[in-house]
Amino acid sequence: FQIGLTKSSRTLSGPYSASAIVHETISYSYKLFTVNGEDYYE
């Protein structure tokens, strides 16, 4: 891990660890296509 202090162009470096409970909501569209009579998702 590196902390960049852009106003003074300084960097501080070392190891970083973290733990967190993450909720992720994902949305997407889909369509169907057919191969040899079988439907598949795209």
Full PDB file with SEQRES, HELIX, SHEET, SSBOND, CRYST1, ORIGX, SCALE, CONECT and MASTER records, all heavy atoms in Angstrom:
SEQRES   1 A   42  PHE GLN ILE GLY LEU THR LYS SER SER ARG THR LEU SER          
SEQRES   2 A   42  GLY PRO TYR SER ALA SER ALA ILE VAL HIS GLU THR ILE          
SEQRES   3 A   42  SER TYR SER TYR LYS LEU PHE THR VAL ASN GLY GLU ASP          
SEQRES   4 A   42  TYR TYR GLU                                                  
SHEET    1 AA1 2 GLN A   2  LEU A   5  0                                        
SHEET    2 AA1 2 ARG A  10  SER A  13 -1                                        
SHEET    1 AA2 2 LEU A  32  VAL A  35  0                                        
SHEET    2 AA2 2 GLU A  38  TYR A  41 -1                                        
CRYST1    1.000    1.000    1.000  90.00  90.00  90.00 P 1           1          
ORIGX1      1.000000  0.000000  0.000000        0.00000                         
ORIGX2      0.000000  1.000000  0.000000        0.00000                         
ORIGX3      0.000000  0.000000  1.000000        0.00000                         
SCALE1      1.000000  0.000000  0.000000        0.00000                         
SCALE2      0.000000  1.000000  0.000000        0.00000                         
SCALE3      0.000000  0.000000  1.000000        0.00000                         
ATOM      1  N   PHE A   1       0.835  -1.198   0.000  1.00  0.00           N  
ATOM      2  CA  PHE A   1       0.000   0.000   0.000  1.00  0.00           C  
ATOM      3  C   PHE A   1       0.870   1.249   0.000  1.00  0.00           C  
ATOM      4  O   PHE A   1       1.922   1.293   0.640  1.00  0.00           O  
ATOM      5  CB  PHE A   1      -0.878  -0.033   1.252  1.00  0.00           C  
ATOM      6  CG  PHE A   1      -1.883   1.064   1.385  1.00  0.00           C  
ATOM      7  CD1 PHE A   1      -2.865   1.267   0.436  1.00  0.00           C  
ATOM      8  CD2 PHE A   1      -1.866   1.891   2.513  1.00  0.00           C  
ATOM      9  CE1 PHE A   1      -3.808   2.267   0.587  1.00  0.00           C  
ATOM     10  CE2 PHE A   1      -2.802   2.893   2.675  1.00  0.00           C  
ATOM     11  CZ  PHE A   1      -3.785   3.083   1.709  1.00  0.00           C  
ATOM     12  N   GLN A   2       0.404   2.245  -0.732  1.00  0.00           N  
ATOM     13  CA  GLN A   2       1.119   3.516  -0.784  1.00  0.00           C  
ATOM     14  C   GLN A   2       0.122   4.658  -0.646  1.00  0.00           C  
ATOM     15  O   GLN A   2      -0.893   4.696  -1.345  1.00  0.00           O  
ATOM     16  CB  GLN A   2       1.883   3.642  -2.104  1.00  0.00           C  
ATOM     17  CG  GLN A   2       2.767   4.877  -2.201  1.00  0.00           C  
ATOM     18  CD  GLN A   2       3.506   4.936  -3.523  1.00  0.00           C  
ATOM     19  OE1 GLN A   2       2.957   5.357  -4.537  1.00  0.00           O  
ATOM     20  NE2 GLN A   2       4.756   4.483  -3.518  1.00  0.00           N  
ATOM     21  N   ILE A   3       0.401   5.553   0.275  1.00  0.00           N  
ATOM     22  CA  ILE A   3      -0.405   6.753   0.449  1.00  0.00           C  
ATOM     23  C   ILE A   3       0.281   7.886  -0.312  1.00  0.00           C  
ATOM     24  O   ILE A   3       1.450   8.209  -0.041  1.00  0.00           O  
ATOM     25  CB  ILE A   3      -0.516   7.142   1.935  1.00  0.00           C  
ATOM     26  CG1 ILE A   3      -1.155   6.005   2.737  1.00  0.00           C  
ATOM     27  CG2 ILE A   3      -1.336   8.431   2.101  1.00  0.00           C  
ATOM     28  CD1 ILE A   3      -1.119   6.226   4.244  1.00  0.00           C  
ATOM     29  N   GLY A   4      -0.431   8.469  -1.257  1.00  0.00           N  
ATOM     30  CA  GLY A   4       0.109   9.588  -2.015  1.00  0.00           C  
ATOM     31  C   GLY A   4      -0.468  10.897  -1.507  1.00  0.00           C  
ATOM     32  O   GLY A   4      -1.689  11.055  -1.447  1.00  0.00           O  
ATOM     33  N   LEU A   5       0.422  11.806  -1.126  1.00  0.00           N  
ATOM     34  CA  LEU A   5       0.022  13.149  -0.703  1.00  0.00           C  
ATOM     35  C   LEU A   5       0.336  14.077  -1.870  1.00  0.00           C  
ATOM     36  O   LEU A   5       1.463  14.576  -2.003  1.00  0.00           O  
ATOM     37  CB  LEU A   5       0.772  13.558   0.566  1.00  0.00           C  
ATOM     38  CG  LEU A   5       0.656  12.580   1.745  1.00  0.00           C  
ATOM     39  CD1 LEU A   5       1.570  13.004   2.903  1.00  0.00           C  
ATOM     40  CD2 LEU A   5      -0.785  12.483   2.225  1.00  0.00           C  
ATOM     41  N   THR A   6      -0.642  14.300  -2.737  1.00  0.00           N  
ATOM     42  CA  THR A   6      -0.376  14.950  -4.022  1.00  0.00           C  
ATOM     43  C   THR A   6       0.011  16.418  -3.895  1.00  0.00           C  
ATOM     44  O   THR A   6       0.710  16.955  -4.750  1.00  0.00           O  
ATOM     45  CB  THR A   6      -1.594  14.822  -4.953  1.00  0.00           C  
ATOM     46  OG1 THR A   6      -2.720  15.491  -4.356  1.00  0.00           O  
ATOM     47  CG2 THR A   6      -1.954  13.367  -5.186  1.00  0.00           C  
ATOM     48  N   LYS A   7      -0.446  17.075  -2.837  1.00  0.00           N  
ATOM     49  CA  LYS A   7      -0.136  18.500  -2.696  1.00  0.00           C  
ATOM     50  C   LYS A   7       1.320  18.740  -2.336  1.00  0.00           C  
ATOM     51  O   LYS A   7       1.860  19.832  -2.561  1.00  0.00           O  
ATOM     52  CB  LYS A   7      -1.065  19.131  -1.659  1.00  0.00           C  
ATOM     53  CG  LYS A   7      -2.529  19.181  -2.113  1.00  0.00           C  
ATOM     54  CD  LYS A   7      -3.422  19.868  -1.096  1.00  0.00           C  
ATOM     55  CE  LYS A   7      -4.866  19.930  -1.599  1.00  0.00           C  
ATOM     56  NZ  LYS A   7      -5.774  20.603  -0.637  1.00  0.00           N  
ATOM     57  N   SER A   8       1.966  17.733  -1.766  1.00  0.00           N  
ATOM     58  CA  SER A   8       3.380  17.869  -1.410  1.00  0.00           C  
ATOM     59  C   SER A   8       4.256  16.875  -2.161  1.00  0.00           C  
ATOM     60  O   SER A   8       5.468  16.811  -1.926  1.00  0.00           O  
ATOM     61  CB  SER A   8       3.565  17.674   0.099  1.00  0.00           C  
ATOM     62  OG  SER A   8       3.106  16.387   0.497  1.00  0.00           O  
ATOM     63  N   SER A   9       3.619  16.078  -3.045  1.00  0.00           N  
ATOM     64  CA  SER A   9       4.345  15.074  -3.847  1.00  0.00           C  
ATOM     65  C   SER A   9       5.097  14.080  -2.971  1.00  0.00           C  
ATOM     66  O   SER A   9       6.174  13.597  -3.331  1.00  0.00           O  
ATOM     67  CB  SER A   9       5.314  15.754  -4.832  1.00  0.00           C  
ATOM     68  OG  SER A   9       4.619  16.596  -5.705  1.00  0.00           O  
ATOM     69  N   ARG A  10       4.516  13.753  -1.819  1.00  0.00           N  
ATOM     70  CA  ARG A  10       5.134  12.792  -0.923  1.00  0.00           C  
ATOM     71  C   ARG A  10       4.369  11.477  -0.966  1.00  0.00           C  
ATOM     72  O   ARG A  10       3.166  11.448  -1.214  1.00  0.00           O  
ATOM     73  CB  ARG A  10       5.172  13.323   0.510  1.00  0.00           C  
ATOM     74  CG  ARG A  10       6.118  14.500   0.697  1.00  0.00           C  
ATOM     75  CD  ARG A  10       6.134  14.995   2.138  1.00  0.00           C  
ATOM     76  NE  ARG A  10       6.499  13.946   3.086  1.00  0.00           N  
ATOM     77  CZ  ARG A  10       7.738  13.495   3.271  1.00  0.00           C  
ATOM     78  NH1 ARG A  10       8.729  13.977   2.562  1.00  0.00           N  
ATOM     79  NH2 ARG A  10       7.988  12.540   4.166  1.00  0.00           N  
ATOM     80  N   THR A  11       5.090  10.380  -0.706  1.00  0.00           N  
ATOM     81  CA  THR A  11       4.453   9.061  -0.635  1.00  0.00           C  
ATOM     82  C   THR A  11       4.915   8.337   0.622  1.00  0.00           C  
ATOM     83  O   THR A  11       6.077   8.462   1.038  1.00  0.00           O  
ATOM     84  CB  THR A  11       4.787   8.196  -1.866  1.00  0.00           C  
ATOM     85  OG1 THR A  11       6.211   8.049  -1.979  1.00  0.00           O  
ATOM     86  CG2 THR A  11       4.235   8.812  -3.147  1.00  0.00           C  
ATOM     87  N   LEU A  12       3.994   7.593   1.215  1.00  0.00           N  
ATOM     88  CA  LEU A  12       4.269   6.788   2.395  1.00  0.00           C  
ATOM     89  C   LEU A  12       3.850   5.365   2.076  1.00  0.00           C  
ATOM     90  O   LEU A  12       2.739   5.139   1.568  1.00  0.00           O  
ATOM     91  CB  LEU A  12       3.487   7.326   3.600  1.00  0.00           C  
ATOM     92  CG  LEU A  12       3.562   8.849   3.852  1.00  0.00           C  
ATOM     93  CD1 LEU A  12       2.596   9.258   4.956  1.00  0.00           C  
ATOM     94  CD2 LEU A  12       4.981   9.264   4.190  1.00  0.00           C  
ATOM     95  N   SER A  13       4.686   4.387   2.376  1.00  0.00           N  
ATOM     96  CA  SER A  13       4.426   3.021   1.929  1.00  0.00           C  
ATOM     97  C   SER A  13       4.501   2.013   3.065  1.00  0.00           C  
ATOM     98  O   SER A  13       5.239   2.190   4.030  1.00  0.00           O  
ATOM     99  CB  SER A  13       5.444   2.618   0.842  1.00  0.00           C  
ATOM    100  OG  SER A  13       5.391   3.502  -0.257  1.00  0.00           O  
ATOM    101  N   GLY A  14       3.743   0.921   2.901  1.00  0.00           N  
ATOM    102  CA  GLY A  14       3.765  -0.164   3.867  1.00  0.00           C  
ATOM    103  C   GLY A  14       2.614  -1.115   3.623  1.00  0.00           C  
ATOM    104  O   GLY A  14       1.812  -0.929   2.712  1.00  0.00           O  
ATOM    105  N   PRO A  15       2.490  -2.156   4.440  1.00  0.00           N  
ATOM    106  CA  PRO A  15       1.411  -3.129   4.277  1.00  0.00           C  
ATOM    107  C   PRO A  15       0.067  -2.589   4.747  1.00  0.00           C  
ATOM    108  O   PRO A  15      -0.016  -1.730   5.630  1.00  0.00           O  
ATOM    109  CB  PRO A  15       1.862  -4.315   5.133  1.00  0.00           C  
ATOM    110  CG  PRO A  15       2.801  -3.737   6.126  1.00  0.00           C  
ATOM    111  CD  PRO A  15       3.461  -2.570   5.478  1.00  0.00           C  
ATOM    112  N   TYR A  16      -0.982  -3.126   4.139  1.00  0.00           N  
ATOM    113  CA  TYR A  16      -2.367  -2.728   4.413  1.00  0.00           C  
ATOM    114  C   TYR A  16      -3.204  -3.989   4.540  1.00  0.00           C  
ATOM    115  O   TYR A  16      -3.057  -4.933   3.753  1.00  0.00           O  
ATOM    116  CB  TYR A  16      -2.875  -1.878   3.249  1.00  0.00           C  
ATOM    117  CG  TYR A  16      -4.370  -1.582   3.197  1.00  0.00           C  
ATOM    118  CD1 TYR A  16      -4.864  -0.333   3.540  1.00  0.00           C  
ATOM    119  CD2 TYR A  16      -5.281  -2.539   2.738  1.00  0.00           C  
ATOM    120  CE1 TYR A  16      -6.224  -0.038   3.450  1.00  0.00           C  
ATOM    121  CE2 TYR A  16      -6.639  -2.259   2.657  1.00  0.00           C  
ATOM    122  CZ  TYR A  16      -7.108  -1.010   3.007  1.00  0.00           C  
ATOM    123  OH  TYR A  16      -8.455  -0.728   2.909  1.00  0.00           O  
ATOM    124  N   SER A  17      -4.080  -4.019   5.537  1.00  0.00           N  
ATOM    125  CA  SER A  17      -5.037  -5.124   5.636  1.00  0.00           C  
ATOM    126  C   SER A  17      -6.386  -4.548   6.046  1.00  0.00           C  
ATOM    127  O   SER A  17      -6.452  -3.506   6.722  1.00  0.00           O  
ATOM    128  CB  SER A  17      -4.575  -6.182   6.643  1.00  0.00           C  
ATOM    129  OG  SER A  17      -4.465  -5.628   7.937  1.00  0.00           O  
ATOM    130  N   ALA A  18      -7.446  -5.213   5.631  1.00  0.00           N  
ATOM    131  CA  ALA A  18      -8.793  -4.726   5.937  1.00  0.00           C  
ATOM    132  C   ALA A  18      -9.780  -5.874   5.901  1.00  0.00           C  
ATOM    133  O   ALA A  18      -9.563  -6.893   5.232  1.00  0.00           O  
ATOM    134  CB  ALA A  18      -9.214  -3.650   4.938  1.00  0.00           C  
ATOM    135  N   SER A  19     -10.864  -5.699   6.629  1.00  0.00           N  
ATOM    136  CA  SER A  19     -11.983  -6.631   6.558  1.00  0.00           C  
ATOM    137  C   SER A  19     -13.260  -5.809   6.522  1.00  0.00           C  
ATOM    138  O   SER A  19     -13.361  -4.766   7.184  1.00  0.00           O  
ATOM    139  CB  SER A  19     -11.988  -7.597   7.747  1.00  0.00           C  
ATOM    140  OG  SER A  19     -12.082  -6.891   8.971  1.00  0.00           O  
ATOM    141  N   ALA A  20     -14.238  -6.279   5.746  1.00  0.00           N  
ATOM    142  CA  ALA A  20     -15.478  -5.531   5.583  1.00  0.00           C  
ATOM    143  C   ALA A  20     -16.589  -6.461   5.132  1.00  0.00           C  
ATOM    144  O   ALA A  20     -16.348  -7.468   4.459  1.00  0.00           O  
ATOM    145  CB  ALA A  20     -15.299  -4.406   4.559  1.00  0.00           C  
ATOM    146  N   ILE A  21     -17.809  -6.116   5.508  1.00  0.00           N  
ATOM    147  CA  ILE A  21     -18.993  -6.808   5.001  1.00  0.00           C  
ATOM    148  C   ILE A  21     -19.484  -6.017   3.798  1.00  0.00           C  
ATOM    149  O   ILE A  21     -19.859  -4.841   3.927  1.00  0.00           O  
ATOM    150  CB  ILE A  21     -20.090  -6.896   6.074  1.00  0.00           C  
ATOM    151  CG1 ILE A  21     -19.575  -7.640   7.307  1.00  0.00           C  
ATOM    152  CG2 ILE A  21     -21.323  -7.610   5.512  1.00  0.00           C  
ATOM    153  CD1 ILE A  21     -20.539  -7.590   8.492  1.00  0.00           C  
ATOM    154  N   VAL A  22     -19.472  -6.656   2.636  1.00  0.00           N  
ATOM    155  CA  VAL A  22     -19.811  -5.973   1.389  1.00  0.00           C  
ATOM    156  C   VAL A  22     -21.139  -6.490   0.845  1.00  0.00           C  
ATOM    157  O   VAL A  22     -21.333  -7.699   0.715  1.00  0.00           O  
ATOM    158  CB  VAL A  22     -18.714  -6.190   0.324  1.00  0.00           C  
ATOM    159  CG1 VAL A  22     -19.030  -5.397  -0.943  1.00  0.00           C  
ATOM    160  CG2 VAL A  22     -17.346  -5.804   0.875  1.00  0.00           C  
ATOM    161  N   HIS A  23     -22.027  -5.563   0.531  1.00  0.00           N  
ATOM    162  CA  HIS A  23     -23.244  -5.876  -0.223  1.00  0.00           C  
ATOM    163  C   HIS A  23     -23.088  -5.286  -1.620  1.00  0.00           C  
ATOM    164  O   HIS A  23     -22.857  -4.086  -1.758  1.00  0.00           O  
ATOM    165  CB  HIS A  23     -24.479  -5.280   0.449  1.00  0.00           C  
ATOM    166  CG  HIS A  23     -24.876  -5.961   1.708  1.00  0.00           C  
ATOM    167  ND1 HIS A  23     -26.009  -5.634   2.419  1.00  0.00           N  
ATOM    168  CD2 HIS A  23     -24.297  -6.986   2.406  1.00  0.00           C  
ATOM    169  CE1 HIS A  23     -26.110  -6.401   3.489  1.00  0.00           C  
ATOM    170  NE2 HIS A  23     -25.074  -7.230   3.506  1.00  0.00           N  
ATOM    171  N   GLU A  24     -23.191  -6.124  -2.620  1.00  0.00           N  
ATOM    172  CA  GLU A  24     -23.038  -5.679  -4.012  1.00  0.00           C  
ATOM    173  C   GLU A  24     -24.314  -5.988  -4.774  1.00  0.00           C  
ATOM    174  O   GLU A  24     -24.774  -7.136  -4.800  1.00  0.00           O  
ATOM    175  CB  GLU A  24     -21.854  -6.385  -4.673  1.00  0.00           C  
ATOM    176  CG  GLU A  24     -21.524  -5.878  -6.049  1.00  0.00           C  
ATOM    177  CD  GLU A  24     -20.507  -4.740  -6.035  1.00  0.00           C  
ATOM    178  OE1 GLU A  24     -20.091  -4.321  -4.939  1.00  0.00           O  
ATOM    179  OE2 GLU A  24     -20.130  -4.281  -7.133  1.00  0.00           O  
ATOM    180  N   THR A  25     -24.894  -4.952  -5.379  1.00  0.00           N  
ATOM    181  CA  THR A  25     -26.093  -5.121  -6.200  1.00  0.00           C  
ATOM    182  C   THR A  25     -25.707  -4.930  -7.660  1.00  0.00           C  
ATOM    183  O   THR A  25     -25.197  -3.870  -8.039  1.00  0.00           O  
ATOM    184  CB  THR A  25     -27.186  -4.106  -5.807  1.00  0.00           C  
ATOM    185  OG1 THR A  25     -27.507  -4.271  -4.428  1.00  0.00           O  
ATOM    186  CG2 THR A  25     -28.441  -4.330  -6.638  1.00  0.00           C  
ATOM    187  N   ILE A  26     -25.931  -5.957  -8.455  1.00  0.00           N  
ATOM    188  CA  ILE A  26     -25.543  -5.934  -9.868  1.00  0.00           C  
ATOM    189  C   ILE A  26     -26.781  -6.119 -10.733  1.00  0.00           C  
ATOM    190  O   ILE A  26     -27.612  -6.998 -10.468  1.00  0.00           O  
ATOM    191  CB  ILE A  26     -24.497  -7.019 -10.168  1.00  0.00           C  
ATOM    192  CG1 ILE A  26     -23.202  -6.693  -9.417  1.00  0.00           C  
ATOM    193  CG2 ILE A  26     -24.244  -7.139 -11.667  1.00  0.00           C  
ATOM    194  CD1 ILE A  26     -22.079  -7.667  -9.642  1.00  0.00           C  
ATOM    195  N   SER A  27     -26.888  -5.279 -11.749  1.00  0.00           N  
ATOM    196  CA  SER A  27     -27.992  -5.369 -12.700  1.00  0.00           C  
ATOM    197  C   SER A  27     -27.425  -5.587 -14.098  1.00  0.00           C  
ATOM    198  O   SER A  27     -26.381  -5.020 -14.443  1.00  0.00           O  
ATOM    199  CB  SER A  27     -28.826  -4.083 -12.691  1.00  0.00           C  
ATOM    200  OG  SER A  27     -29.323  -3.800 -11.397  1.00  0.00           O  
ATOM    201  N   TYR A  28     -28.105  -6.401 -14.868  1.00  0.00           N  
ATOM    202  CA  TYR A  28     -27.694  -6.597 -16.255  1.00  0.00           C  
ATOM    203  C   TYR A  28     -28.892  -7.070 -17.070  1.00  0.00           C  
ATOM    204  O   TYR A  28     -29.882  -7.583 -16.539  1.00  0.00           O  
ATOM    205  CB  TYR A  28     -26.540  -7.596 -16.365  1.00  0.00           C  
ATOM    206  CG  TYR A  28     -26.800  -8.954 -15.742  1.00  0.00           C  
ATOM    207  CD1 TYR A  28     -27.402  -9.981 -16.471  1.00  0.00           C  
ATOM    208  CD2 TYR A  28     -26.421  -9.219 -14.427  1.00  0.00           C  
ATOM    209  CE1 TYR A  28     -27.633 -11.227 -15.899  1.00  0.00           C  
ATOM    210  CE2 TYR A  28     -26.648 -10.455 -13.847  1.00  0.00           C  
ATOM    211  CZ  TYR A  28     -27.254 -11.454 -14.589  1.00  0.00           C  
ATOM    212  OH  TYR A  28     -27.486 -12.676 -14.013  1.00  0.00           O  
ATOM    213  N   SER A  29     -28.792  -6.853 -18.357  1.00  0.00           N  
ATOM    214  CA  SER A  29     -29.805  -7.356 -19.278  1.00  0.00           C  
ATOM    215  C   SER A  29     -29.307  -8.663 -19.881  1.00  0.00           C  
ATOM    216  O   SER A  29     -28.131  -9.025 -19.726  1.00  0.00           O  
ATOM    217  CB  SER A  29     -30.075  -6.333 -20.392  1.00  0.00           C  
ATOM    218  OG  SER A  29     -28.890  -6.094 -21.129  1.00  0.00           O  
ATOM    219  N   TYR A  30     -30.197  -9.361 -20.550  1.00  0.00           N  
ATOM    220  CA  TYR A  30     -29.788 -10.588 -21.222  1.00  0.00           C  
ATOM    221  C   TYR A  30     -30.651 -10.797 -22.465  1.00  0.00           C  
ATOM    222  O   TYR A  30     -31.702 -10.174 -22.624  1.00  0.00           O  
ATOM    223  CB  TYR A  30     -29.916 -11.804 -20.291  1.00  0.00           C  
ATOM    224  CG  TYR A  30     -31.344 -12.166 -19.935  1.00  0.00           C  
ATOM    225  CD1 TYR A  30     -32.095 -13.034 -20.734  1.00  0.00           C  
ATOM    226  CD2 TYR A  30     -31.964 -11.642 -18.809  1.00  0.00           C  
ATOM    227  CE1 TYR A  30     -33.412 -13.362 -20.426  1.00  0.00           C  
ATOM    228  CE2 TYR A  30     -33.277 -11.969 -18.487  1.00  0.00           C  
ATOM    229  CZ  TYR A  30     -33.987 -12.821 -19.300  1.00  0.00           C  
ATOM    230  OH  TYR A  30     -35.288 -13.134 -18.992  1.00  0.00           O  
ATOM    231  N   LYS A  31     -30.180 -11.651 -23.324  1.00  0.00           N  
ATOM    232  CA  LYS A  31     -30.983 -12.087 -24.463  1.00  0.00           C  
ATOM    233  C   LYS A  31     -30.718 -13.562 -24.685  1.00  0.00           C  
ATOM    234  O   LYS A  31     -29.748 -14.121 -24.132  1.00  0.00           O  
ATOM    235  CB  LYS A  31     -30.678 -11.273 -25.713  1.00  0.00           C  
ATOM    236  CG  LYS A  31     -29.251 -11.332 -26.203  1.00  0.00           C  
ATOM    237  CD  LYS A  31     -29.072 -10.421 -27.419  1.00  0.00           C  
ATOM    238  CE  LYS A  31     -27.628 -10.442 -27.926  1.00  0.00           C  
ATOM    239  NZ  LYS A  31     -27.451  -9.555 -29.101  1.00  0.00           N  
ATOM    240  N   LEU A  32     -31.568 -14.180 -25.441  1.00  0.00           N  
ATOM    241  CA  LEU A  32     -31.435 -15.610 -25.714  1.00  0.00           C  
ATOM    242  C   LEU A  32     -30.926 -15.849 -27.127  1.00  0.00           C  
ATOM    243  O   LEU A  32     -31.209 -15.078 -28.044  1.00  0.00           O  
ATOM    244  CB  LEU A  32     -32.784 -16.308 -25.532  1.00  0.00           C  
ATOM    245  CG  LEU A  32     -33.385 -16.285 -24.117  1.00  0.00           C  
ATOM    246  CD1 LEU A  32     -34.801 -16.825 -24.141  1.00  0.00           C  
ATOM    247  CD2 LEU A  32     -32.519 -17.088 -23.153  1.00  0.00           C  
ATOM    248  N   PHE A  33     -30.147 -16.911 -27.259  1.00  0.00           N  
ATOM    249  CA  PHE A  33     -29.792 -17.368 -28.604  1.00  0.00           C  
ATOM    250  C   PHE A  33     -29.943 -18.889 -28.627  1.00  0.00           C  
ATOM    251  O   PHE A  33     -29.887 -19.557 -27.583  1.00  0.00           O  
ATOM    252  CB  PHE A  33     -28.380 -16.931 -29.003  1.00  0.00           C  
ATOM    253  CG  PHE A  33     -27.265 -17.551 -28.203  1.00  0.00           C  
ATOM    254  CD1 PHE A  33     -26.593 -18.682 -28.670  1.00  0.00           C  
ATOM    255  CD2 PHE A  33     -26.864 -16.992 -26.990  1.00  0.00           C  
ATOM    256  CE1 PHE A  33     -25.558 -19.255 -27.945  1.00  0.00           C  
ATOM    257  CE2 PHE A  33     -25.823 -17.563 -26.249  1.00  0.00           C  
ATOM    258  CZ  PHE A  33     -25.176 -18.688 -26.729  1.00  0.00           C  
ATOM    259  N   THR A  34     -30.166 -19.417 -29.784  1.00  0.00           N  
ATOM    260  CA  THR A  34     -30.480 -20.847 -29.928  1.00  0.00           C  
ATOM    261  C   THR A  34     -29.415 -21.542 -30.756  1.00  0.00           C  
ATOM    262  O   THR A  34     -29.000 -21.044 -31.805  1.00  0.00           O  
ATOM    263  CB  THR A  34     -31.857 -21.024 -30.591  1.00  0.00           C  
ATOM    264  OG1 THR A  34     -32.841 -20.338 -29.813  1.00  0.00           O  
ATOM    265  CG2 THR A  34     -32.233 -22.498 -30.673  1.00  0.00           C  
ATOM    266  N   VAL A  35     -28.966 -22.693 -30.274  1.00  0.00           N  
ATOM    267  CA  VAL A  35     -28.024 -23.539 -31.002  1.00  0.00           C  
ATOM    268  C   VAL A  35     -28.589 -24.950 -31.022  1.00  0.00           C  
ATOM    269  O   VAL A  35     -28.818 -25.551 -29.963  1.00  0.00           O  
ATOM    270  CB  VAL A  35     -26.627 -23.542 -30.342  1.00  0.00           C  
ATOM    271  CG1 VAL A  35     -25.698 -24.505 -31.086  1.00  0.00           C  
ATOM    272  CG2 VAL A  35     -26.034 -22.144 -30.313  1.00  0.00           C  
ATOM    273  N   ASN A  36     -28.868 -25.447 -32.229  1.00  0.00           N  
ATOM    274  CA  ASN A  36     -29.366 -26.810 -32.399  1.00  0.00           C  
ATOM    275  C   ASN A  36     -30.576 -27.101 -31.500  1.00  0.00           C  
ATOM    276  O   ASN A  36     -30.669 -28.163 -30.878  1.00  0.00           O  
ATOM    277  CB  ASN A  36     -28.239 -27.814 -32.115  1.00  0.00           C  
ATOM    278  CG  ASN A  36     -28.522 -29.196 -32.711  1.00  0.00           C  
ATOM    279  OD1 ASN A  36     -29.121 -29.297 -33.791  1.00  0.00           O  
ATOM    280  ND2 ASN A  36     -28.094 -30.235 -32.023  1.00  0.00           N  
ATOM    281  N   GLY A  37     -31.482 -26.136 -31.428  1.00  0.00           N  
ATOM    282  CA  GLY A  37     -32.717 -26.320 -30.674  1.00  0.00           C  
ATOM    283  C   GLY A  37     -32.628 -26.033 -29.192  1.00  0.00           C  
ATOM    284  O   GLY A  37     -33.637 -26.092 -28.485  1.00  0.00           O  
ATOM    285  N   GLU A  38     -31.437 -25.716 -28.683  1.00  0.00           N  
ATOM    286  CA  GLU A  38     -31.265 -25.404 -27.261  1.00  0.00           C  
ATOM    287  C   GLU A  38     -31.106 -23.896 -27.078  1.00  0.00           C  
ATOM    288  O   GLU A  38     -30.363 -23.238 -27.818  1.00  0.00           O  
ATOM    289  CB  GLU A  38     -30.027 -26.101 -26.689  1.00  0.00           C  
ATOM    290  CG  GLU A  38     -30.166 -27.603 -26.554  1.00  0.00           C  
ATOM    291  CD  GLU A  38     -30.961 -28.009 -25.314  1.00  0.00           C  
ATOM    292  OE1 GLU A  38     -31.578 -27.133 -24.677  1.00  0.00           O  
ATOM    293  OE2 GLU A  38     -30.949 -29.211 -24.994  1.00  0.00           O  
ATOM    294  N   ASP A  39     -31.787 -23.332 -26.060  1.00  0.00           N  
ATOM    295  CA  ASP A  39     -31.665 -21.908 -25.757  1.00  0.00           C  
ATOM    296  C   ASP A  39     -30.541 -21.660 -24.765  1.00  0.00           C  
ATOM    297  O   ASP A  39     -30.366 -22.409 -23.794  1.00  0.00           O  
ATOM    298  CB  ASP A  39     -32.978 -21.371 -25.165  1.00  0.00           C  
ATOM    299  CG  ASP A  39     -34.085 -21.278 -26.202  1.00  0.00           C  
ATOM    300  OD1 ASP A  39     -33.767 -21.144 -27.398  1.00  0.00           O  
ATOM    301  OD2 ASP A  39     -35.255 -21.328 -25.806  1.00  0.00           O  
ATOM    302  N   TYR A  40     -29.801 -20.571 -25.007  1.00  0.00           N  
ATOM    303  CA  TYR A  40     -28.706 -20.154 -24.145  1.00  0.00           C  
ATOM    304  C   TYR A  40     -28.858 -18.672 -23.812  1.00  0.00           C  
ATOM    305  O   TYR A  40     -29.480 -17.920 -24.558  1.00  0.00           O  
ATOM    306  CB  TYR A  40     -27.345 -20.376 -24.834  1.00  0.00           C  
ATOM    307  CG  TYR A  40     -27.035 -21.823 -25.127  1.00  0.00           C  
ATOM    308  CD1 TYR A  40     -27.569 -22.453 -26.251  1.00  0.00           C  
ATOM    309  CD2 TYR A  40     -26.207 -22.555 -24.290  1.00  0.00           C  
ATOM    310  CE1 TYR A  40     -27.292 -23.788 -26.520  1.00  0.00           C  
ATOM    311  CE2 TYR A  40     -25.916 -23.888 -24.558  1.00  0.00           C  
ATOM    312  CZ  TYR A  40     -26.464 -24.495 -25.671  1.00  0.00           C  
ATOM    313  OH  TYR A  40     -26.189 -25.821 -25.925  1.00  0.00           O  
ATOM    314  N   TYR A  41     -28.245 -18.268 -22.683  1.00  0.00           N  
ATOM    315  CA  TYR A  41     -28.272 -16.862 -22.291  1.00  0.00           C  
ATOM    316  C   TYR A  41     -27.030 -16.133 -22.788  1.00  0.00           C  
ATOM    317  O   TYR A  41     -25.921 -16.671 -22.746  1.00  0.00           O  
ATOM    318  CB  TYR A  41     -28.318 -16.723 -20.768  1.00  0.00           C  
ATOM    319  CG  TYR A  41     -29.632 -17.107 -20.146  1.00  0.00           C  
ATOM    320  CD1 TYR A  41     -29.742 -18.265 -19.372  1.00  0.00           C  
ATOM    321  CD2 TYR A  41     -30.764 -16.312 -20.311  1.00  0.00           C  
ATOM    322  CE1 TYR A  41     -30.943 -18.612 -18.778  1.00  0.00           C  
ATOM    323  CE2 TYR A  41     -31.973 -16.663 -19.729  1.00  0.00           C  
ATOM    324  CZ  TYR A  41     -32.056 -17.811 -18.966  1.00  0.00           C  
ATOM    325  OH  TYR A  41     -33.247 -18.165 -18.388  1.00  0.00           O  
ATOM    326  N   GLU A  42     -27.222 -14.906 -23.197  1.00  0.00           N  
ATOM    327  CA  GLU A  42     -26.117 -13.988 -23.448  1.00  0.00           C  
ATOM    328  C   GLU A  42     -26.320 -12.781 -22.546  1.00  0.00           C  
ATOM    329  O   GLU A  42     -27.294 -12.036 -22.699  1.00  0.00           O  
ATOM    330  CB  GLU A  42     -26.063 -13.547 -24.908  1.00  0.00           C  
ATOM    331  CG  GLU A  42     -24.888 -12.631 -25.204  1.00  0.00           C  
ATOM    332  CD  GLU A  42     -24.760 -12.266 -26.672  1.00  0.00           C  
ATOM    333  OE1 GLU A  42     -25.350 -12.974 -27.512  1.00  0.00           O  
ATOM    334  OE2 GLU A  42     -24.085 -11.267 -26.976  1.00  0.00           O  
TER     335      GLU A  42                                                      
MASTER        0    0    0    0    4    0    0    6  334    1    0    4          
END                                                                             
